[in-house]
Amino acid sequence: MTPNPLIGVVFHWLGGLASGSFYVPFRAVRKWSWETYWLVGGVFSWIIVPWVLGSTISTDLLGVLHQTQWDTIGWVYFFGVLWGFGGLTFGLTMRYLGMSLGMAMVLGYCAAFGTLIPPIYHGQFFSHVLPTHSGQVIVLGIAICMAGIAFAGKAGMSKEKEMSAEQKTAVIREFNLKKGVIVATFSGVMSACFSFGLDAGAPIKALALQHGTSTLWQGLPVLVVLLAGGFTTNFVWCLILNIKNHTGYQYFSSEIRNRHPERGEERMIENIPPREMYARLKGGEADILVSGSRTQFVALKAKVPWLDINQERHVAYAGYDGMVTLVRELHRALTNPVWEAVRRPAPWEAAAE
């Protein structure tokens, strides 16, 4: 096959466009949790599409895989599993470092390790890479990449020293340079395993060529195995989250159980006179009264929990910690066993019945 740099750039651009835009449809998902729609998307991305393309574009996909030795299949699959770990921890990197610093570090490590390790492993780095002009350009690019990581890390350390704790959390809520660098390094190295898997799949490519697949598409059978490994990692993690968050039912239902209501759906009744307030509480239209001390006896008469938010209260509700305190006090008021007791008929009333 005659090298064509322009076609290579076009394919690279198409791959970058697909990688950068694949998450866009997920923004329209409203009734599924992350683990549900991520796994469904993974079934199509890592299982269905590779098999469809491999079966239609390459020649005799099943025959090629059948003739491949099991140790080759195993190594390609194993590197796919490791690549899956890189993808899962990529999100943690964004969580601790933010988009700009996290993306620079992960992609830098991925490019460096994914490009250099295969030729070093095969003993070709000094004989086939460094002596050539193209190899020198690649090494220069990797060096610039690593320098960028160093500068980005230095900038992150400087930023961490100059900013107060409040400023850090205002920009990135869980900013943590030490954790972020560790996770970014792990994610970048694991993501580079995709390149290791492609390299380990060289025997599969050779078999694909022997079966009549064109040089351009010889890597498709390798991708079928490699992406299956990545799918396995994501499948196990999503399954764990489905069990933990009780979201497995979403694969078979269009409704969300126990979802939080939208603002327009909230059952919050405001600014009503005491007589109507009592009628609504007594009629079961509200579960709790949140007010000042002036209306507490309305709730007590209706035998409904009441939470004091008067300025003379004993707890503070200001800021984030205050909201946590408010939720805790609401929960304590609603679950207080006294309300179950006062709603039961008095002994003399029960005897009369």
Protein backbone atom coordinates (compact mmCIF):
# COMPACT_ATOMS: atom_id res chain seq x y z
CA MET A 1 0.00 0.00 0.00
CA THR A 2 1.42 3.39 -1.05
CA PRO A 3 1.70 5.79 1.91
CA ASN A 4 -0.70 8.73 1.64
CA PRO A 5 -0.19 11.28 4.45
CA LEU A 6 -3.21 13.35 3.37
CA ILE A 7 -5.59 10.39 3.67
CA GLY A 8 -3.98 9.57 7.01
CA VAL A 9 -4.65 13.09 8.26
CA VAL A 10 -8.29 12.86 7.08
CA PHE A 11 -8.84 9.54 8.88
CA HIS A 12 -7.14 10.93 11.97
CA TRP A 13 -9.42 13.96 11.83
CA LEU A 14 -12.51 11.77 11.49
CA GLY A 15 -11.37 9.70 14.48
CA GLY A 16 -10.78 12.83 16.54
CA LEU A 17 -14.20 14.20 15.57
CA ALA A 18 -15.89 10.95 16.60
CA SER A 19 -13.95 10.76 19.88
CA GLY A 20 -14.73 14.37 20.72
CA SER A 21 -18.44 14.20 19.91
CA PHE A 22 -19.50 10.71 21.07
CA TYR A 23 -20.69 12.07 24.43
CA VAL A 24 -23.07 14.64 22.87
CA PRO A 25 -26.10 12.28 22.54
CA PHE A 26 -25.77 11.31 26.20
CA ARG A 27 -26.70 14.87 27.17
CA ALA A 28 -30.22 14.21 25.93
CA VAL A 29 -30.64 11.21 28.25
CA ARG A 30 -32.83 12.23 31.18
CA LYS A 31 -34.44 9.04 32.47
CA TRP A 32 -31.39 6.80 32.86
CA SER A 33 -28.51 6.88 35.31
CA TRP A 34 -24.93 7.22 34.05
CA GLU A 35 -24.11 3.54 34.47
CA THR A 36 -27.17 2.51 32.47
CA TYR A 37 -26.69 4.68 29.41
CA TRP A 38 -22.90 4.22 29.51
CA LEU A 39 -23.26 0.43 29.34
CA VAL A 40 -25.89 0.58 26.59
CA GLY A 41 -23.65 2.91 24.60
CA GLY A 42 -20.73 0.57 25.24
CA VAL A 43 -22.63 -2.42 23.83
CA PHE A 44 -23.00 -0.56 20.54
CA SER A 45 -19.54 1.07 20.53
CA TRP A 46 -17.39 -1.83 21.71
CA ILE A 47 -19.35 -4.90 20.63
CA ILE A 48 -21.91 -4.33 17.86
CA VAL A 49 -20.09 -1.79 15.66
CA PRO A 50 -16.69 -3.58 15.66
CA TRP A 51 -18.33 -6.89 14.75
CA VAL A 52 -20.50 -5.32 12.04
CA LEU A 53 -17.57 -3.47 10.45
CA GLY A 54 -15.22 -6.41 10.89
CA SER A 55 -17.73 -8.78 9.26
CA THR A 56 -18.55 -6.52 6.32
CA ILE A 57 -15.25 -4.80 5.51
CA SER A 58 -12.65 -7.43 6.42
CA THR A 59 -12.62 -10.90 4.90
CA ASP A 60 -13.61 -14.02 6.86
CA LEU A 61 -13.50 -12.43 10.33
CA LEU A 62 -14.50 -15.63 12.15
CA GLY A 63 -11.96 -17.66 10.19
CA VAL A 64 -9.18 -15.22 11.07
CA LEU A 65 -10.03 -15.28 14.78
CA HIS A 66 -10.40 -19.08 14.72
CA GLN A 67 -6.89 -19.49 13.30
CA THR A 68 -5.33 -17.04 15.76
CA GLN A 69 -3.46 -18.64 18.65
CA TRP A 70 -5.09 -18.30 22.05
CA ASP A 71 -2.11 -16.54 23.62
CA THR A 72 -2.38 -13.77 21.01
CA ILE A 73 -6.12 -13.43 21.64
CA GLY A 74 -5.43 -13.39 25.38
CA TRP A 75 -2.82 -10.64 25.25
CA VAL A 76 -4.92 -8.41 23.00
CA TYR A 77 -7.94 -8.93 25.24
CA PHE A 78 -5.86 -8.31 28.38
CA PHE A 79 -4.55 -4.99 27.04
CA GLY A 80 -8.15 -4.08 26.19
CA VAL A 81 -9.13 -4.69 29.82
CA LEU A 82 -6.31 -2.41 30.98
CA TRP A 83 -7.36 0.22 28.46
CA GLY A 84 -10.83 0.05 30.00
CA PHE A 85 -9.36 0.98 33.38
CA GLY A 86 -7.75 4.01 31.76
CA GLY A 87 -11.10 5.17 30.46
CA LEU A 88 -12.83 4.70 33.80
CA THR A 89 -10.20 6.67 35.72
CA PHE A 90 -10.14 9.43 33.10
CA GLY A 91 -13.26 10.89 34.70
CA LEU A 92 -11.57 10.91 38.12
CA THR A 93 -8.72 12.92 36.63
CA MET A 94 -11.16 15.60 35.46
CA ARG A 95 -12.71 15.55 38.92
CA TYR A 96 -9.43 16.24 40.75
CA LEU A 97 -7.54 18.40 38.23
CA GLY A 98 -10.16 19.97 35.98
CA MET A 99 -10.47 19.74 32.21
CA SER A 100 -7.38 21.65 31.04
CA LEU A 101 -4.72 20.23 33.38
CA GLY A 102 -6.25 16.76 33.54
CA MET A 103 -6.67 16.41 29.78
CA ALA A 104 -3.11 17.59 29.11
CA MET A 105 -1.60 15.09 31.54
CA VAL A 106 -3.63 12.05 30.51
CA LEU A 107 -3.25 12.57 26.77
CA GLY A 108 0.43 13.39 27.17
CA TYR A 109 1.15 10.19 29.08
CA CYS A 110 -0.99 8.18 26.67
CA ALA A 111 0.84 9.55 23.62
CA ALA A 112 4.28 9.08 25.15
CA PHE A 113 3.85 5.53 26.46
CA GLY A 114 1.66 4.35 23.59
CA THR A 115 4.20 5.54 20.99
CA LEU A 116 7.50 4.61 22.62
CA ILE A 117 6.89 1.37 24.51
CA PRO A 118 6.12 -0.94 21.51
CA PRO A 119 9.34 -0.17 19.55
CA ILE A 120 11.38 -0.27 22.78
CA TYR A 121 9.87 -3.67 23.66
CA HIS A 122 10.70 -5.05 20.21
CA GLY A 123 14.25 -3.64 20.33
CA GLN A 124 13.55 -1.39 17.33
CA PHE A 125 13.78 2.01 18.97
CA PHE A 126 17.50 2.56 18.38
CA SER A 127 17.66 0.67 15.09
CA HIS A 128 14.43 1.67 13.32
CA VAL A 129 13.11 4.81 15.05
CA LEU A 130 15.97 7.11 16.07
CA PRO A 131 18.02 6.80 12.85
CA THR A 132 15.10 7.85 10.62
CA HIS A 133 13.88 11.39 10.00
CA SER A 134 10.25 10.47 10.73
CA GLY A 135 11.31 8.72 13.94
CA GLN A 136 13.25 11.78 15.08
CA VAL A 137 10.21 13.99 14.46
CA ILE A 138 8.08 11.58 16.50
CA VAL A 139 10.57 11.56 19.39
CA LEU A 140 10.73 15.37 19.27
CA GLY A 141 6.94 15.52 19.48
CA ILE A 142 6.96 13.14 22.44
CA ALA A 143 9.62 15.26 24.17
CA ILE A 144 7.49 18.39 23.66
CA CYS A 145 4.51 16.44 25.04
CA MET A 146 6.39 15.44 28.19
CA ALA A 147 7.72 18.98 28.61
CA GLY A 148 4.12 20.17 28.40
CA ILE A 149 3.16 17.74 31.16
CA ALA A 150 6.01 19.05 33.31
CA PHE A 151 5.00 22.68 32.73
CA ALA A 152 1.34 21.85 33.36
CA GLY A 153 2.26 20.08 36.59
CA LYS A 154 4.43 23.01 37.67
CA ALA A 155 1.59 25.40 36.90
CA GLY A 156 -0.77 23.21 38.92
CA MET A 157 1.58 23.24 41.91
CA SER A 158 1.92 27.01 41.67
CA LYS A 159 -1.83 27.38 41.40
CA GLU A 160 -2.36 25.17 44.45
CA LYS A 161 0.05 27.27 46.53
CA GLU A 162 -1.42 30.62 45.49
CA MET A 163 -5.11 29.76 45.91
CA SER A 164 -6.93 29.44 49.18
CA ALA A 165 -9.00 26.34 49.94
CA GLU A 166 -12.18 28.27 49.15
CA GLN A 167 -10.83 29.43 45.78
CA LYS A 168 -9.78 25.89 44.85
CA THR A 169 -13.21 24.46 45.55
CA ALA A 170 -14.87 27.36 43.76
CA VAL A 171 -13.00 26.52 40.54
CA ILE A 172 -12.87 22.72 40.91
CA ARG A 173 -14.99 21.45 43.76
CA GLU A 174 -12.73 18.48 44.57
CA PHE A 175 -9.39 19.91 43.40
CA ASN A 176 -6.52 17.78 44.69
CA LEU A 177 -3.20 18.02 42.87
CA LYS A 178 -1.57 14.98 44.50
CA LYS A 179 -4.51 12.64 43.88
CA GLY A 180 -5.04 14.13 40.43
CA VAL A 181 -1.46 13.55 39.29
CA ILE A 182 -1.51 9.95 40.55
CA VAL A 183 -4.83 9.20 38.86
CA ALA A 184 -3.80 11.03 35.66
CA THR A 185 -0.59 8.99 35.46
CA PHE A 186 -2.50 5.74 35.98
CA SER A 187 -5.17 6.73 33.45
CA GLY A 188 -2.61 7.81 30.85
CA VAL A 189 -0.52 4.64 31.13
CA MET A 190 -3.58 2.38 31.11
CA SER A 191 -5.04 4.25 28.13
CA ALA A 192 -1.76 3.64 26.28
CA CYS A 193 -2.52 -0.09 26.55
CA PHE A 194 -4.75 0.37 23.50
CA SER A 195 -1.54 0.83 21.50
CA PHE A 196 0.01 -2.19 23.22
CA GLY A 197 -3.03 -4.24 22.23
CA LEU A 198 -2.75 -3.18 18.60
CA ASP A 199 0.91 -4.15 18.65
CA ALA A 200 0.17 -7.53 20.27
CA GLY A 201 -2.41 -8.13 17.52
CA ALA A 202 0.20 -8.16 14.75
CA PRO A 203 -0.34 -11.93 14.12
CA ILE A 204 -4.08 -11.27 13.68
CA LYS A 205 -3.31 -8.57 11.10
CA ALA A 206 -1.06 -11.00 9.21
CA LEU A 207 -3.84 -13.60 9.12
CA ALA A 208 -6.33 -10.97 7.96
CA LEU A 209 -4.06 -10.10 5.03
CA GLN A 210 -3.71 -13.77 4.17
CA HIS A 211 -7.50 -14.09 4.05
CA GLY A 212 -7.75 -11.24 1.55
CA THR A 213 -8.46 -8.19 3.75
CA SER A 214 -6.98 -4.99 2.33
CA THR A 215 -4.03 -3.39 4.09
CA LEU A 216 -6.15 -0.42 5.14
CA TRP A 217 -8.59 -2.58 7.12
CA GLN A 218 -6.26 -5.28 8.44
CA GLY A 219 -6.62 -3.95 12.00
CA LEU A 220 -10.39 -4.48 12.23
CA PRO A 221 -10.18 -8.08 13.54
CA VAL A 222 -7.76 -6.85 16.22
CA LEU A 223 -10.22 -4.18 17.28
CA VAL A 224 -12.94 -6.78 17.74
CA VAL A 225 -10.86 -8.50 20.43
CA LEU A 226 -9.30 -5.37 21.92
CA LEU A 227 -12.60 -3.51 22.35
CA ALA A 228 -14.17 -6.62 23.87
CA GLY A 229 -11.58 -6.34 26.65
CA GLY A 230 -12.44 -2.67 27.19
CA PHE A 231 -16.12 -3.55 27.26
CA THR A 232 -15.49 -6.15 29.96
CA THR A 233 -13.99 -3.58 32.35
CA ASN A 234 -16.82 -1.12 31.79
CA PHE A 235 -19.46 -3.86 31.99
CA VAL A 236 -18.24 -5.04 35.40
CA TRP A 237 -18.07 -1.49 36.78
CA CYS A 238 -21.49 -0.50 35.44
CA LEU A 239 -22.97 -3.72 36.81
CA ILE A 240 -21.53 -2.92 40.25
CA LEU A 241 -23.09 0.56 40.08
CA ASN A 242 -26.42 -0.88 38.91
CA ILE A 243 -26.49 -3.12 41.97
CA LYS A 244 -25.28 -0.42 44.35
CA ASN A 245 -27.66 2.29 43.06
CA HIS A 246 -30.59 -0.07 42.33
CA THR A 247 -30.73 1.12 38.70
CA GLY A 248 -30.77 -2.21 36.88
CA TYR A 249 -34.51 -1.91 36.22
CA GLN A 250 -33.84 1.03 33.88
CA TYR A 251 -32.83 -1.30 31.05
CA PHE A 252 -36.44 -2.46 30.90
CA SER A 253 -38.36 0.66 31.98
CA SER A 254 -38.80 4.21 30.70
CA GLU A 255 -39.71 5.54 34.15
CA ILE A 256 -37.33 6.47 36.96
CA ARG A 257 -38.17 5.13 40.40
CA ASN A 258 -37.79 7.46 43.38
CA ARG A 259 -36.55 10.27 41.17
CA HIS A 260 -36.19 13.78 42.54
CA PRO A 261 -39.09 15.99 41.38
CA GLU A 262 -38.52 18.97 39.13
CA ARG A 263 -39.02 22.42 40.67
CA GLY A 264 -42.44 22.75 39.06
CA GLU A 265 -43.49 19.35 40.44
CA GLU A 266 -42.52 20.00 44.05
CA ARG A 267 -45.28 19.82 46.64
CA MET A 268 -44.39 22.99 48.49
CA ILE A 269 -47.28 25.13 49.79
CA GLU A 270 -46.37 28.69 50.74
CA ASN A 271 -48.06 31.76 52.25
CA ILE A 272 -51.45 30.45 53.33
CA PRO A 273 -53.57 31.48 56.35
CA PRO A 274 -53.54 29.29 59.48
CA ARG A 275 -57.05 27.91 58.94
CA GLU A 276 -56.23 26.67 55.43
CA MET A 277 -52.82 25.51 56.64
CA TYR A 278 -54.47 23.33 59.30
CA ALA A 279 -56.98 21.91 56.81
CA ARG A 280 -54.22 20.94 54.37
CA LEU A 281 -52.04 19.40 57.05
CA LYS A 282 -54.95 17.49 58.53
CA GLY A 283 -55.97 16.33 55.05
CA GLY A 284 -52.53 14.86 54.40
CA GLU A 285 -51.51 17.32 51.67
CA ALA A 286 -48.16 18.00 53.35
CA ASP A 287 -45.74 15.87 55.35
CA ILE A 288 -44.11 18.61 57.43
CA LEU A 289 -44.52 22.28 58.35
CA VAL A 290 -41.37 24.42 58.09
CA SER A 291 -41.98 27.78 59.73
CA GLY A 292 -41.33 30.13 62.61
CA SER A 293 -42.66 29.54 66.09
CA ARG A 294 -45.90 31.48 65.43
CA THR A 295 -47.50 28.59 63.50
CA GLN A 296 -45.98 25.63 65.33
CA PHE A 297 -49.25 24.92 67.15
CA VAL A 298 -51.05 24.49 63.82
CA ALA A 299 -48.75 21.57 63.04
CA LEU A 300 -49.03 20.16 66.56
CA LYS A 301 -52.82 20.31 66.42
CA ALA A 302 -52.77 18.52 63.05
CA LYS A 303 -50.29 15.97 64.47
CA VAL A 304 -47.75 16.72 61.73
CA PRO A 305 -43.96 17.22 62.15
CA TRP A 306 -42.78 20.82 62.48
CA LEU A 307 -39.30 22.28 61.89
CA ASP A 308 -38.34 25.59 63.44
CA ILE A 309 -36.59 28.03 61.08
CA ASN A 310 -37.13 31.11 63.22
CA GLN A 311 -34.15 33.42 63.82
CA GLU A 312 -34.02 32.20 67.43
CA ARG A 313 -33.40 28.57 66.44
CA HIS A 314 -30.57 26.53 67.93
CA VAL A 315 -28.89 25.43 64.66
CA ALA A 316 -27.51 27.37 61.67
CA TYR A 317 -28.61 26.85 58.08
CA ALA A 318 -26.14 29.13 56.31
CA GLY A 319 -23.96 27.96 53.43
CA TYR A 320 -23.33 24.42 52.25
CA ASP A 321 -22.91 23.02 55.77
CA GLY A 322 -26.16 24.72 56.70
CA MET A 323 -28.00 22.95 53.87
CA VAL A 324 -26.65 19.62 55.10
CA THR A 325 -27.82 20.51 58.60
CA LEU A 326 -31.26 21.47 57.26
CA VAL A 327 -31.65 18.13 55.48
CA ARG A 328 -30.54 16.31 58.65
CA GLU A 329 -33.07 18.23 60.77
CA LEU A 330 -35.83 17.56 58.24
CA HIS A 331 -35.03 13.86 58.34
CA ARG A 332 -35.01 13.83 62.16
CA ALA A 333 -38.35 15.60 62.33
CA LEU A 334 -40.01 13.36 59.75
CA THR A 335 -38.75 10.10 61.25
CA ASN A 336 -39.30 10.99 64.89
CA PRO A 337 -41.31 8.07 66.37
CA VAL A 338 -43.43 10.43 68.45
CA TRP A 339 -45.65 11.22 65.45
CA GLU A 340 -46.65 7.60 64.99
CA ALA A 341 -47.59 7.50 68.69
CA VAL A 342 -49.67 10.70 68.76
CA ARG A 343 -51.60 9.68 65.64
CA ARG A 344 -52.81 6.47 67.22
CA PRO A 345 -56.18 6.64 69.06
CA ALA A 346 -55.95 7.26 72.79
CA PRO A 347 -56.65 4.20 74.98
CA TRP A 348 -60.10 5.50 75.96
CA GLU A 349 -60.92 6.22 72.31
CA ALA A 350 -59.81 2.72 71.30
CA ALA A 351 -61.94 1.22 74.11
CA ALA A 352 -64.97 3.20 72.97
CA GLU A 353 -64.61 1.81 69.47
